[in-house]
Full PDB file with SEQRES, HELIX, SHEET, SSBOND, CRYST1, ORIGX, SCALE, CONECT and MASTER records, all heavy atoms in Angstrom:
SEQRES   1 A   35  SER GLY GLY ILE ILE SER CYS ASP ASN ALA TRP GLY TYR          
SEQRES   2 A   35  GLY PRO GLU GLU TYR MET ILE ARG VAL ALA GLN PRO GLY          
SEQRES   3 A   35  GLN TYR LYS MET GLN VAL GLN PHE VAL                          
SHEET    1 AA1 2 ILE A   4  ILE A   5  0                                        
SHEET    2 AA1 2 TYR A  18  MET A  19 -1                                        
CRYST1    1.000    1.000    1.000  90.00  90.00  90.00 P 1           1          
ORIGX1      1.000000  0.000000  0.000000        0.00000                         
ORIGX2      0.000000  1.000000  0.000000        0.00000                         
ORIGX3      0.000000  0.000000  1.000000        0.00000                         
SCALE1      1.000000  0.000000  0.000000        0.00000                         
SCALE2      0.000000  1.000000  0.000000        0.00000                         
SCALE3      0.000000  0.000000  1.000000        0.00000                         
ATOM      1  N   SER A   1      89.465 100.576 117.329  1.00  0.00           N  
ATOM      2  CA  SER A   1      90.733 100.924 116.658  1.00  0.00           C  
ATOM      3  C   SER A   1      91.144 102.371 116.952  1.00  0.00           C  
ATOM      4  O   SER A   1      92.088 102.858 116.401  1.00  0.00           O  
ATOM      5  CB  SER A   1      90.570 100.730 115.141  1.00  0.00           C  
ATOM      6  OG  SER A   1      89.601 101.516 114.636  1.00  0.00           O  
ATOM      7  N   GLY A   2      90.372 103.117 117.738  1.00  0.00           N  
ATOM      8  CA  GLY A   2      90.744 104.462 118.171  1.00  0.00           C  
ATOM      9  C   GLY A   2      90.004 105.612 117.480  1.00  0.00           C  
ATOM     10  O   GLY A   2      90.270 106.788 117.693  1.00  0.00           O  
ATOM     11  N   GLY A   3      89.089 105.244 116.598  1.00  0.00           N  
ATOM     12  CA  GLY A   3      88.340 106.329 115.937  1.00  0.00           C  
ATOM     13  C   GLY A   3      87.408 106.981 116.942  1.00  0.00           C  
ATOM     14  O   GLY A   3      86.832 106.321 117.821  1.00  0.00           O  
ATOM     15  N   ILE A   4      87.314 108.305 116.892  1.00  0.00           N  
ATOM     16  CA  ILE A   4      86.556 109.059 117.874  1.00  0.00           C  
ATOM     17  C   ILE A   4      85.700 110.092 117.175  1.00  0.00           C  
ATOM     18  O   ILE A   4      86.162 110.703 116.216  1.00  0.00           O  
ATOM     19  CB  ILE A   4      87.395 109.683 118.974  1.00  0.00           C  
ATOM     20  CG1 ILE A   4      86.579 110.230 120.075  1.00  0.00           C  
ATOM     21  CG2 ILE A   4      88.374 110.684 118.436  1.00  0.00           C  
ATOM     22  CD1 ILE A   4      87.390 110.641 121.288  1.00  0.00           C  
ATOM     23  N   ILE A   5      84.421 110.236 117.656  1.00  0.00           N  
ATOM     24  CA  ILE A   5      83.631 111.280 117.127  1.00  0.00           C  
ATOM     25  C   ILE A   5      83.361 112.370 118.161  1.00  0.00           C  
ATOM     26  O   ILE A   5      83.313 112.028 119.421  1.00  0.00           O  
ATOM     27  CB  ILE A   5      82.196 110.667 116.640  1.00  0.00           C  
ATOM     28  CG1 ILE A   5      81.612 111.544 115.544  1.00  0.00           C  
ATOM     29  CG2 ILE A   5      81.297 110.351 117.736  1.00  0.00           C  
ATOM     30  CD1 ILE A   5      80.774 110.835 114.595  1.00  0.00           C  
ATOM     31  N   SER A   6      83.265 113.574 117.762  1.00  0.00           N  
ATOM     32  CA  SER A   6      83.155 114.726 118.730  1.00  0.00           C  
ATOM     33  C   SER A   6      81.668 114.685 119.357  1.00  0.00           C  
ATOM     34  O   SER A   6      80.850 113.878 118.908  1.00  0.00           O  
ATOM     35  CB  SER A   6      83.305 115.984 117.956  1.00  0.00           C  
ATOM     36  OG  SER A   6      82.267 116.259 117.023  1.00  0.00           O  
ATOM     37  N   CYS A   7      81.504 115.520 120.306  1.00  0.00           N  
ATOM     38  CA  CYS A   7      80.190 115.584 120.932  1.00  0.00           C  
ATOM     39  C   CYS A   7      79.119 116.066 119.948  1.00  0.00           C  
ATOM     40  O   CYS A   7      79.462 116.638 118.961  1.00  0.00           O  
ATOM     41  CB  CYS A   7      80.233 116.505 122.167  1.00  0.00           C  
ATOM     42  SG  CYS A   7      80.511 118.252 121.780  1.00  0.00           S  
ATOM     43  N   ASP A   8      77.868 115.712 120.209  1.00  0.00           N  
ATOM     44  CA  ASP A   8      76.778 116.020 119.316  1.00  0.00           C  
ATOM     45  C   ASP A   8      76.519 117.537 119.411  1.00  0.00           C  
ATOM     46  O   ASP A   8      76.198 118.026 120.481  1.00  0.00           O  
ATOM     47  CB  ASP A   8      75.544 115.233 119.869  1.00  0.00           C  
ATOM     48  CG  ASP A   8      74.388 115.394 118.893  1.00  0.00           C  
ATOM     49  OD1 ASP A   8      74.548 115.971 117.759  1.00  0.00           O  
ATOM     50  OD2 ASP A   8      73.259 114.974 119.204  1.00  0.00           O  
ATOM     51  N   ASN A   9      76.730 118.235 118.382  1.00  0.00           N  
ATOM     52  CA  ASN A   9      76.502 119.663 118.263  1.00  0.00           C  
ATOM     53  C   ASN A   9      75.124 119.859 117.748  1.00  0.00           C  
ATOM     54  O   ASN A   9      74.941 120.106 116.547  1.00  0.00           O  
ATOM     55  CB  ASN A   9      77.571 120.371 117.467  1.00  0.00           C  
ATOM     56  CG  ASN A   9      77.617 121.805 117.652  1.00  0.00           C  
ATOM     57  OD1 ASN A   9      76.654 122.394 118.029  1.00  0.00           O  
ATOM     58  ND2 ASN A   9      78.745 122.393 117.401  1.00  0.00           N  
ATOM     59  N   ALA A  10      74.114 119.858 118.565  1.00  0.00           N  
ATOM     60  CA  ALA A  10      72.741 119.961 118.168  1.00  0.00           C  
ATOM     61  C   ALA A  10      72.274 121.404 118.138  1.00  0.00           C  
ATOM     62  O   ALA A  10      72.625 122.212 119.037  1.00  0.00           O  
ATOM     63  CB  ALA A  10      71.824 119.122 119.060  1.00  0.00           C  
ATOM     64  N   TRP A  11      71.492 121.718 117.138  1.00  0.00           N  
ATOM     65  CA  TRP A  11      70.878 123.091 117.056  1.00  0.00           C  
ATOM     66  C   TRP A  11      71.819 124.208 116.990  1.00  0.00           C  
ATOM     67  O   TRP A  11      71.648 125.271 117.589  1.00  0.00           O  
ATOM     68  CB  TRP A  11      69.861 123.313 118.240  1.00  0.00           C  
ATOM     69  CG  TRP A  11      68.980 122.138 118.415  1.00  0.00           C  
ATOM     70  CD1 TRP A  11      68.984 121.266 119.463  1.00  0.00           C  
ATOM     71  CD2 TRP A  11      67.920 121.632 117.558  1.00  0.00           C  
ATOM     72  NE1 TRP A  11      68.034 120.311 119.320  1.00  0.00           N  
ATOM     73  CE2 TRP A  11      67.406 120.534 118.099  1.00  0.00           C  
ATOM     74  CE3 TRP A  11      67.475 122.074 116.307  1.00  0.00           C  
ATOM     75  CZ2 TRP A  11      66.336 119.813 117.480  1.00  0.00           C  
ATOM     76  CZ3 TRP A  11      66.437 121.434 115.692  1.00  0.00           C  
ATOM     77  CH2 TRP A  11      65.908 120.313 116.355  1.00  0.00           C  
ATOM     78  N   GLY A  12      72.886 124.025 116.214  1.00  0.00           N  
ATOM     79  CA  GLY A  12      73.818 125.022 115.995  1.00  0.00           C  
ATOM     80  C   GLY A  12      74.387 124.922 114.543  1.00  0.00           C  
ATOM     81  O   GLY A  12      73.696 124.460 113.666  1.00  0.00           O  
ATOM     82  N   TYR A  13      75.663 125.420 114.398  1.00  0.00           N  
ATOM     83  CA  TYR A  13      76.294 125.338 113.106  1.00  0.00           C  
ATOM     84  C   TYR A  13      77.295 124.280 112.912  1.00  0.00           C  
ATOM     85  O   TYR A  13      78.027 124.163 111.970  1.00  0.00           O  
ATOM     86  CB  TYR A  13      76.958 126.731 112.830  1.00  0.00           C  
ATOM     87  CG  TYR A  13      75.965 127.829 112.642  1.00  0.00           C  
ATOM     88  CD1 TYR A  13      75.726 128.679 113.740  1.00  0.00           C  
ATOM     89  CD2 TYR A  13      75.395 128.115 111.480  1.00  0.00           C  
ATOM     90  CE1 TYR A  13      74.869 129.723 113.633  1.00  0.00           C  
ATOM     91  CE2 TYR A  13      74.505 129.186 111.350  1.00  0.00           C  
ATOM     92  CZ  TYR A  13      74.240 130.004 112.415  1.00  0.00           C  
ATOM     93  OH  TYR A  13      73.415 131.049 112.311  1.00  0.00           O  
ATOM     94  N   GLY A  14      77.463 123.423 113.993  1.00  0.00           N  
ATOM     95  CA  GLY A  14      78.480 122.442 113.995  1.00  0.00           C  
ATOM     96  C   GLY A  14      79.727 123.025 114.638  1.00  0.00           C  
ATOM     97  O   GLY A  14      79.642 124.060 115.323  1.00  0.00           O  
ATOM     98  N   PRO A  15      80.914 122.489 114.371  1.00  0.00           N  
ATOM     99  CA  PRO A  15      81.177 121.277 113.553  1.00  0.00           C  
ATOM    100  C   PRO A  15      80.941 119.998 114.373  1.00  0.00           C  
ATOM    101  O   PRO A  15      80.845 119.988 115.615  1.00  0.00           O  
ATOM    102  CB  PRO A  15      82.633 121.443 113.223  1.00  0.00           C  
ATOM    103  CG  PRO A  15      83.223 122.140 114.393  1.00  0.00           C  
ATOM    104  CD  PRO A  15      82.151 123.031 114.919  1.00  0.00           C  
ATOM    105  N   GLU A  16      80.906 118.917 113.638  1.00  0.00           N  
ATOM    106  CA  GLU A  16      80.982 117.587 114.213  1.00  0.00           C  
ATOM    107  C   GLU A  16      82.152 116.925 113.442  1.00  0.00           C  
ATOM    108  O   GLU A  16      82.273 117.151 112.302  1.00  0.00           O  
ATOM    109  CB  GLU A  16      79.711 116.759 114.094  1.00  0.00           C  
ATOM    110  CG  GLU A  16      78.592 117.361 114.931  1.00  0.00           C  
ATOM    111  CD  GLU A  16      77.423 116.461 115.099  1.00  0.00           C  
ATOM    112  OE1 GLU A  16      77.440 115.260 114.658  1.00  0.00           O  
ATOM    113  OE2 GLU A  16      76.392 116.893 115.633  1.00  0.00           O  
ATOM    114  N   GLU A  17      82.967 116.176 114.219  1.00  0.00           N  
ATOM    115  CA  GLU A  17      84.174 115.635 113.626  1.00  0.00           C  
ATOM    116  C   GLU A  17      84.407 114.195 113.959  1.00  0.00           C  
ATOM    117  O   GLU A  17      84.045 113.738 115.131  1.00  0.00           O  
ATOM    118  CB  GLU A  17      85.368 116.465 114.078  1.00  0.00           C  
ATOM    119  CG  GLU A  17      85.416 117.900 113.600  1.00  0.00           C  
ATOM    120  CD  GLU A  17      86.659 118.587 114.025  1.00  0.00           C  
ATOM    121  OE1 GLU A  17      87.232 118.267 115.119  1.00  0.00           O  
ATOM    122  OE2 GLU A  17      87.137 119.442 113.343  1.00  0.00           O  
ATOM    123  N   TYR A  18      84.998 113.491 113.104  1.00  0.00           N  
ATOM    124  CA  TYR A  18      85.546 112.108 113.337  1.00  0.00           C  
ATOM    125  C   TYR A  18      87.097 112.201 113.083  1.00  0.00           C  
ATOM    126  O   TYR A  18      87.455 112.805 112.101  1.00  0.00           O  
ATOM    127  CB  TYR A  18      84.886 111.079 112.383  1.00  0.00           C  
ATOM    128  CG  TYR A  18      85.615 109.834 112.352  1.00  0.00           C  
ATOM    129  CD1 TYR A  18      85.266 108.770 113.199  1.00  0.00           C  
ATOM    130  CD2 TYR A  18      86.592 109.568 111.387  1.00  0.00           C  
ATOM    131  CE1 TYR A  18      85.930 107.532 113.146  1.00  0.00           C  
ATOM    132  CE2 TYR A  18      87.220 108.289 111.299  1.00  0.00           C  
ATOM    133  CZ  TYR A  18      86.880 107.296 112.238  1.00  0.00           C  
ATOM    134  OH  TYR A  18      87.562 106.129 112.161  1.00  0.00           O  
ATOM    135  N   MET A  19      87.784 111.558 113.982  1.00  0.00           N  
ATOM    136  CA  MET A  19      89.283 111.500 113.777  1.00  0.00           C  
ATOM    137  C   MET A  19      89.810 110.117 114.213  1.00  0.00           C  
ATOM    138  O   MET A  19      89.179 109.474 115.098  1.00  0.00           O  
ATOM    139  CB  MET A  19      89.986 112.527 114.630  1.00  0.00           C  
ATOM    140  CG  MET A  19      89.740 113.970 114.119  1.00  0.00           C  
ATOM    141  SD  MET A  19      90.782 115.184 114.963  1.00  0.00           S  
ATOM    142  CE  MET A  19      90.037 115.280 116.562  1.00  0.00           C  
ATOM    143  N   ILE A  20      90.839 109.681 113.468  1.00  0.00           N  
ATOM    144  CA  ILE A  20      91.491 108.443 113.892  1.00  0.00           C  
ATOM    145  C   ILE A  20      93.025 108.662 113.672  1.00  0.00           C  
ATOM    146  O   ILE A  20      93.423 109.142 112.650  1.00  0.00           O  
ATOM    147  CB  ILE A  20      90.948 107.297 113.097  1.00  0.00           C  
ATOM    148  CG1 ILE A  20      91.527 105.960 113.644  1.00  0.00           C  
ATOM    149  CG2 ILE A  20      91.155 107.447 111.613  1.00  0.00           C  
ATOM    150  CD1 ILE A  20      90.812 104.640 113.230  1.00  0.00           C  
ATOM    151  N   ARG A  21      93.750 108.381 114.703  1.00  0.00           N  
ATOM    152  CA  ARG A  21      95.199 108.607 114.630  1.00  0.00           C  
ATOM    153  C   ARG A  21      95.893 107.698 113.609  1.00  0.00           C  
ATOM    154  O   ARG A  21      96.681 108.118 112.834  1.00  0.00           O  
ATOM    155  CB  ARG A  21      95.809 108.412 116.046  1.00  0.00           C  
ATOM    156  CG  ARG A  21      97.282 108.789 116.069  1.00  0.00           C  
ATOM    157  CD  ARG A  21      97.818 108.694 117.467  1.00  0.00           C  
ATOM    158  NE  ARG A  21      97.183 109.691 118.318  1.00  0.00           N  
ATOM    159  CZ  ARG A  21      97.606 110.935 118.573  1.00  0.00           C  
ATOM    160  NH1 ARG A  21      98.592 111.369 117.938  1.00  0.00           N  
ATOM    161  NH2 ARG A  21      96.920 111.711 119.371  1.00  0.00           N  
ATOM    162  N   VAL A  22      95.601 106.390 113.675  1.00  0.00           N  
ATOM    163  CA  VAL A  22      96.147 105.383 112.788  1.00  0.00           C  
ATOM    164  C   VAL A  22      94.993 104.674 112.073  1.00  0.00           C  
ATOM    165  O   VAL A  22      94.340 103.755 112.620  1.00  0.00           O  
ATOM    166  CB  VAL A  22      97.021 104.355 113.541  1.00  0.00           C  
ATOM    167  CG1 VAL A  22      97.599 103.314 112.567  1.00  0.00           C  
ATOM    168  CG2 VAL A  22      98.149 105.052 114.394  1.00  0.00           C  
ATOM    169  N   ALA A  23      94.713 105.131 110.860  1.00  0.00           N  
ATOM    170  CA  ALA A  23      93.611 104.562 110.085  1.00  0.00           C  
ATOM    171  C   ALA A  23      93.926 103.152 109.546  1.00  0.00           C  
ATOM    172  O   ALA A  23      95.052 102.884 109.122  1.00  0.00           O  
ATOM    173  CB  ALA A  23      93.322 105.474 108.890  1.00  0.00           C  
ATOM    174  N   GLN A  24      93.006 102.281 109.686  1.00  0.00           N  
ATOM    175  CA  GLN A  24      93.133 100.877 109.210  1.00  0.00           C  
ATOM    176  C   GLN A  24      92.938 100.942 107.676  1.00  0.00           C  
ATOM    177  O   GLN A  24      92.141 101.742 107.204  1.00  0.00           O  
ATOM    178  CB  GLN A  24      92.113  99.982 109.907  1.00  0.00           C  
ATOM    179  CG  GLN A  24      92.282  99.968 111.401  1.00  0.00           C  
ATOM    180  CD  GLN A  24      93.619  99.560 111.891  1.00  0.00           C  
ATOM    181  OE1 GLN A  24      94.070  98.506 111.403  1.00  0.00           O  
ATOM    182  NE2 GLN A  24      94.206 100.336 112.692  1.00  0.00           N  
ATOM    183  N   PRO A  25      93.637 100.027 106.965  1.00  0.00           N  
ATOM    184  CA  PRO A  25      93.363 100.037 105.536  1.00  0.00           C  
ATOM    185  C   PRO A  25      91.936  99.556 105.160  1.00  0.00           C  
ATOM    186  O   PRO A  25      91.348  98.766 105.938  1.00  0.00           O  
ATOM    187  CB  PRO A  25      94.361  98.958 105.023  1.00  0.00           C  
ATOM    188  CG  PRO A  25      94.898  98.277 106.211  1.00  0.00           C  
ATOM    189  CD  PRO A  25      94.570  99.074 107.443  1.00  0.00           C  
ATOM    190  N   GLY A  26      91.405 100.020 104.101  1.00  0.00           N  
ATOM    191  CA  GLY A  26      90.100  99.717 103.662  1.00  0.00           C  
ATOM    192  C   GLY A  26      89.201 100.919 103.444  1.00  0.00           C  
ATOM    193  O   GLY A  26      89.636 102.048 103.495  1.00  0.00           O  
ATOM    194  N   GLN A  27      87.921 100.688 103.214  1.00  0.00           N  
ATOM    195  CA  GLN A  27      87.012 101.735 102.986  1.00  0.00           C  
ATOM    196  C   GLN A  27      86.344 102.204 104.257  1.00  0.00           C  
ATOM    197  O   GLN A  27      85.926 101.449 105.102  1.00  0.00           O  
ATOM    198  CB  GLN A  27      85.937 101.314 101.996  1.00  0.00           C  
ATOM    199  CG  GLN A  27      86.496 101.115 100.599  1.00  0.00           C  
ATOM    200  CD  GLN A  27      85.302 100.878  99.616  1.00  0.00           C  
ATOM    201  OE1 GLN A  27      84.317 100.216  99.979  1.00  0.00           O  
ATOM    202  NE2 GLN A  27      85.504 101.296  98.408  1.00  0.00           N  
ATOM    203  N   TYR A  28      86.143 103.556 104.327  1.00  0.00           N  
ATOM    204  CA  TYR A  28      85.467 104.223 105.380  1.00  0.00           C  
ATOM    205  C   TYR A  28      84.205 104.782 104.750  1.00  0.00           C  
ATOM    206  O   TYR A  28      84.262 105.441 103.697  1.00  0.00           O  
ATOM    207  CB  TYR A  28      86.243 105.305 106.044  1.00  0.00           C  
ATOM    208  CG  TYR A  28      87.393 104.835 106.893  1.00  0.00           C  
ATOM    209  CD1 TYR A  28      88.547 104.321 106.351  1.00  0.00           C  
ATOM    210  CD2 TYR A  28      87.275 104.845 108.269  1.00  0.00           C  
ATOM    211  CE1 TYR A  28      89.597 103.794 107.123  1.00  0.00           C  
ATOM    212  CE2 TYR A  28      88.297 104.404 109.058  1.00  0.00           C  
ATOM    213  CZ  TYR A  28      89.431 103.882 108.502  1.00  0.00           C  
ATOM    214  OH  TYR A  28      90.516 103.362 109.260  1.00  0.00           O  
ATOM    215  N   LYS A  29      83.074 104.607 105.439  1.00  0.00           N  
ATOM    216  CA  LYS A  29      81.778 105.129 104.894  1.00  0.00           C  
ATOM    217  C   LYS A  29      81.324 106.235 105.811  1.00  0.00           C  
ATOM    218  O   LYS A  29      81.225 106.020 107.017  1.00  0.00           O  
ATOM    219  CB  LYS A  29      80.725 104.023 104.848  1.00  0.00           C  
ATOM    220  CG  LYS A  29      79.384 104.462 104.314  1.00  0.00           C  
ATOM    221  CD  LYS A  29      78.400 103.301 104.297  1.00  0.00           C  
ATOM    222  CE  LYS A  29      77.036 103.738 103.891  1.00  0.00           C  
ATOM    223  NZ  LYS A  29      76.145 102.638 103.912  1.00  0.00           N  
ATOM    224  N   MET A  30      81.165 107.380 105.240  1.00  0.00           N  
ATOM    225  CA  MET A  30      80.678 108.562 106.033  1.00  0.00           C  
ATOM    226  C   MET A  30      79.210 108.864 105.613  1.00  0.00           C  
ATOM    227  O   MET A  30      78.863 108.848 104.477  1.00  0.00           O  
ATOM    228  CB  MET A  30      81.523 109.768 105.684  1.00  0.00           C  
ATOM    229  CG  MET A  30      81.047 111.002 106.402  1.00  0.00           C  
ATOM    230  SD  MET A  30      81.869 112.543 105.849  1.00  0.00           S  
ATOM    231  CE  MET A  30      80.732 112.945 104.616  1.00  0.00           C  
ATOM    232  N   GLN A  31      78.390 109.007 106.712  1.00  0.00           N  
ATOM    233  CA  GLN A  31      77.008 109.362 106.513  1.00  0.00           C  
ATOM    234  C   GLN A  31      76.637 110.600 107.372  1.00  0.00           C  
ATOM    235  O   GLN A  31      77.158 110.708 108.444  1.00  0.00           O  
ATOM    236  CB  GLN A  31      76.115 108.136 106.874  1.00  0.00           C  
ATOM    237  CG  GLN A  31      76.338 106.990 106.037  1.00  0.00           C  
ATOM    238  CD  GLN A  31      75.569 105.793 106.563  1.00  0.00           C  
ATOM    239  OE1 GLN A  31      75.954 105.159 107.499  1.00  0.00           O  
ATOM    240  NE2 GLN A  31      74.399 105.528 105.911  1.00  0.00           N  
ATOM    241  N   VAL A  32      75.782 111.413 106.833  1.00  0.00           N  
ATOM    242  CA  VAL A  32      75.223 112.542 107.576  1.00  0.00           C  
ATOM    243  C   VAL A  32      73.765 112.446 107.553  1.00  0.00           C  
ATOM    244  O   VAL A  32      73.103 112.272 106.502  1.00  0.00           O  
ATOM    245  CB  VAL A  32      75.721 113.881 106.903  1.00  0.00           C  
ATOM    246  CG1 VAL A  32      75.118 115.055 107.655  1.00  0.00           C  
ATOM    247  CG2 VAL A  32      77.226 114.001 106.788  1.00  0.00           C  
ATOM    248  N   GLN A  33      73.194 112.526 108.741  1.00  0.00           N  
ATOM    249  CA  GLN A  33      71.692 112.417 108.878  1.00  0.00           C  
ATOM    250  C   GLN A  33      71.217 113.747 109.339  1.00  0.00           C  
ATOM    251  O   GLN A  33      71.671 114.372 110.297  1.00  0.00           O  
ATOM    252  CB  GLN A  33      71.466 111.321 109.913  1.00  0.00           C  
ATOM    253  CG  GLN A  33      69.906 111.180 110.140  1.00  0.00           C  
ATOM    254  CD  GLN A  33      69.536 110.144 111.158  1.00  0.00           C  
ATOM    255  OE1 GLN A  33      70.364 109.569 111.778  1.00  0.00           O  
ATOM    256  NE2 GLN A  33      68.272 109.912 111.343  1.00  0.00           N  
ATOM    257  N   PHE A  34      70.103 114.152 108.698  1.00  0.00           N  
ATOM    258  CA  PHE A  34      69.449 115.366 109.106  1.00  0.00           C  
ATOM    259  C   PHE A  34      68.431 114.946 110.199  1.00  0.00           C  
ATOM    260  O   PHE A  34      67.600 114.119 109.960  1.00  0.00           O  
ATOM    261  CB  PHE A  34      68.560 116.060 107.876  1.00  0.00           C  
ATOM    262  CG  PHE A  34      67.699 117.085 108.294  1.00  0.00           C  
ATOM    263  CD1 PHE A  34      68.217 118.321 108.552  1.00  0.00           C  
ATOM    264  CD2 PHE A  34      66.394 116.897 108.407  1.00  0.00           C  
ATOM    265  CE1 PHE A  34      67.390 119.415 108.917  1.00  0.00           C  
ATOM    266  CE2 PHE A  34      65.486 117.921 108.769  1.00  0.00           C  
ATOM    267  CZ  PHE A  34      66.007 119.186 109.078  1.00  0.00           C  
ATOM    268  N   VAL A  35      68.613 115.567 111.369  1.00  0.00           N  
ATOM    269  CA  VAL A  35      67.777 115.191 112.527  1.00  0.00           C  
ATOM    270  C   VAL A  35      66.592 116.109 112.593  1.00  0.00           C  
ATOM    271  O   VAL A  35      65.455 115.668 112.905  1.00  0.00           O  
ATOM    272  CB  VAL A  35      68.652 115.170 113.821  1.00  0.00           C  
ATOM    273  CG1 VAL A  35      67.743 114.880 115.004  1.00  0.00           C  
ATOM    274  CG2 VAL A  35      69.807 114.161 113.724  1.00  0.00           C  
TER     275      VAL A  35                                                      
MASTER        0    0    0    0    2    0    0    6  274    1    0    3          
END                                                                             
């Protein structure tokens, strides 16, 4: 549906981003994992 996540910013301060130009209706679940 066009959602995109930025490159993996490992061993820094970030950022990491998810963006979608036209969001589909419904729930989005965001998770953050400590690697």
